[in-house]
Protein backbone atom coordinates (compact mmCIF):
# COMPACT_ATOMS: atom_id res chain seq x y z
CA UNK A 1 8.94 7.09 16.55
CA UNK A 2 6.67 5.53 13.97
CA UNK A 3 8.38 3.61 11.21
CA UNK A 4 6.82 1.98 8.16
CA UNK A 5 8.66 -0.75 6.29
CA UNK A 6 7.42 -2.12 2.99
CA UNK A 7 8.35 -5.44 1.45
CA UNK A 8 7.31 -7.76 -1.35
CA UNK A 9 7.91 -5.71 -4.45
CA UNK A 10 9.58 -7.11 -7.53
CA UNK A 11 9.26 -8.02 -11.17
CA UNK A 12 6.10 -9.73 -12.38
CA UNK A 13 4.75 -10.56 -15.83
CA UNK A 14 1.60 -8.92 -17.17
CA UNK A 15 -1.45 -10.68 -15.81
CA UNK A 16 0.44 -11.86 -12.78
CA UNK A 17 -0.06 -11.21 -9.08
CA UNK A 18 2.00 -9.72 -6.32
CA UNK A 19 1.44 -9.09 -2.63
CA UNK A 20 3.17 -6.23 -0.89
CA UNK A 21 3.25 -5.70 2.84
CA UNK A 22 3.89 -2.90 5.29
CA UNK A 23 4.87 -3.31 8.91
CA UNK A 24 4.21 -0.49 11.36
CA UNK A 25 6.59 -0.17 14.28
CA UNK A 26 6.79 2.30 17.13
CA UNK A 27 3.05 2.60 17.58
CA UNK A 28 -0.19 0.68 17.57
CA UNK A 29 -1.42 0.50 13.98
CA UNK A 30 -5.05 0.39 15.11
CA UNK A 31 -4.76 4.14 15.78
CA UNK A 32 -4.04 4.78 12.12
CA UNK A 33 -5.79 5.00 8.82
CA UNK A 34 -3.51 3.08 6.48
CA UNK A 35 -3.11 3.47 2.76
CA UNK A 36 -1.04 2.46 -0.22
CA UNK A 37 0.10 5.08 -2.70
CA UNK A 38 2.08 4.69 -5.87
CA UNK A 39 4.26 6.90 -8.00
CA UNK A 40 5.45 6.15 -11.49
CA UNK A 41 8.39 8.01 -13.07
CA UNK A 42 7.33 11.49 -14.14
CA UNK A 43 3.91 11.18 -12.53
CA UNK A 44 2.34 12.43 -9.32
CA UNK A 45 1.96 10.16 -6.34
CA UNK A 46 -1.57 8.79 -6.23
CA UNK A 47 -3.59 6.83 -3.72
CA UNK A 48 -4.20 3.20 -4.58
CA UNK A 49 -6.30 2.10 -1.62
CA UNK A 50 -6.95 3.01 2.00
CA UNK A 51 -8.34 1.17 4.96
CA UNK A 52 -9.46 2.45 8.34
CA UNK A 53 -8.95 0.78 11.68
CA UNK A 54 -12.31 -0.98 11.38
CA UNK A 55 -11.41 -2.52 8.04
CA UNK A 56 -13.53 -0.28 5.84
CA UNK A 57 -11.71 0.23 2.58
CA UNK A 58 -11.86 2.23 -0.60
CA UNK A 59 -9.99 2.08 -3.86
CA UNK A 60 -8.94 4.39 -6.63
CA UNK A 61 -10.96 3.91 -9.79
CA UNK A 62 -8.05 2.42 -11.73
CA UNK A 63 -7.98 -0.58 -9.40
CA UNK A 64 -11.18 -1.92 -10.99
CA UNK A 65 -11.52 -4.81 -8.56
CA UNK A 66 -8.00 -6.13 -9.12
CA UNK A 67 -6.44 -5.22 -5.76
CA UNK A 68 -7.37 -6.00 -2.19
CA UNK A 69 -6.14 -4.03 0.81
CA UNK A 70 -6.19 -5.70 4.19
CA UNK A 71 -4.79 -5.12 7.64
CA UNK A 72 -3.98 -7.10 10.74
CA UNK A 73 -3.98 -4.78 13.75
CA UNK A 74 -2.59 -7.50 16.00
CA UNK A 75 0.46 -7.81 13.76
CA UNK A 76 0.61 -4.08 12.86
CA UNK A 77 0.59 -4.89 9.16
CA UNK A 78 -1.24 -3.75 6.07
CA UNK A 79 -1.07 -5.70 2.82
CA UNK A 80 -1.98 -5.04 -0.78
CA UNK A 81 -2.81 -8.06 -2.92
CA UNK A 82 -2.49 -7.08 -6.56
CA UNK A 83 -3.92 -9.26 -9.32
CA UNK A 84 -4.18 -8.95 -13.09
CA UNK A 85 -1.24 -6.58 -13.13
CA UNK A 86 -0.49 -4.54 -16.23
CA UNK A 87 2.59 -2.54 -17.24
CA UNK A 88 0.65 0.58 -16.22
CA UNK A 89 0.85 -0.63 -12.61
CA UNK A 90 4.62 -0.28 -12.68
CA UNK A 91 5.56 2.18 -9.94
CA UNK A 92 7.07 2.65 -6.53
CA UNK A 93 4.46 1.66 -3.96
CA UNK A 94 4.44 3.52 -0.66
CA UNK A 95 2.82 2.72 2.65
CA UNK A 96 1.13 5.62 4.41
CA UNK A 97 -0.25 5.97 7.92
CA UNK A 98 -2.24 8.78 9.52
CA UNK A 99 -2.98 8.89 13.23
CA UNK A 100 -6.71 9.38 13.73
CA UNK A 101 -6.18 11.42 16.93
CA UNK A 102 -3.20 13.66 16.14
CA UNK A 103 -3.41 13.55 12.31
CA UNK A 104 0.33 12.97 12.26
CA UNK A 105 1.23 11.12 9.08
CA UNK A 106 4.08 8.88 8.04
CA UNK A 107 5.48 7.35 4.88
CA UNK A 108 7.50 4.27 4.20
CA UNK A 109 10.47 4.33 1.85
CA UNK A 110 8.63 2.42 -0.83
CA UNK A 111 8.91 -0.84 -2.70
CA UNK A 112 9.28 -1.10 -6.46
CA UNK A 113 6.76 -3.04 -8.51
CA UNK A 114 7.66 -3.65 -12.14
CA UNK A 115 5.25 -5.33 -14.52
CA UNK A 116 7.01 -6.45 -17.67
CA UNK A 117 7.41 -9.44 -19.91
């Protein structure tokens, strides 16, 4: 069974940086498109960034060059480096994986990122 576990969330001041990570267990992550989503209170869950097994990535417009998504298939991890954080980035951040062969998808339980002074 595929399991996604996020880590690295926390409280950061505006303008600061934070790196969150997701570990995939139970399967080989190279078979998956990986993504980070976020959901703020009262808002819909939205994609932040996604990366395919070859490392090609894309970002939501609100990222504006501040975040970098990366993956290490050997370690079954996907990271999100977030810079120049603003209070509007405050949300639960969720790791997502979709198998490129079966289209089965999985979610992690999320990690909270709070940007506040």
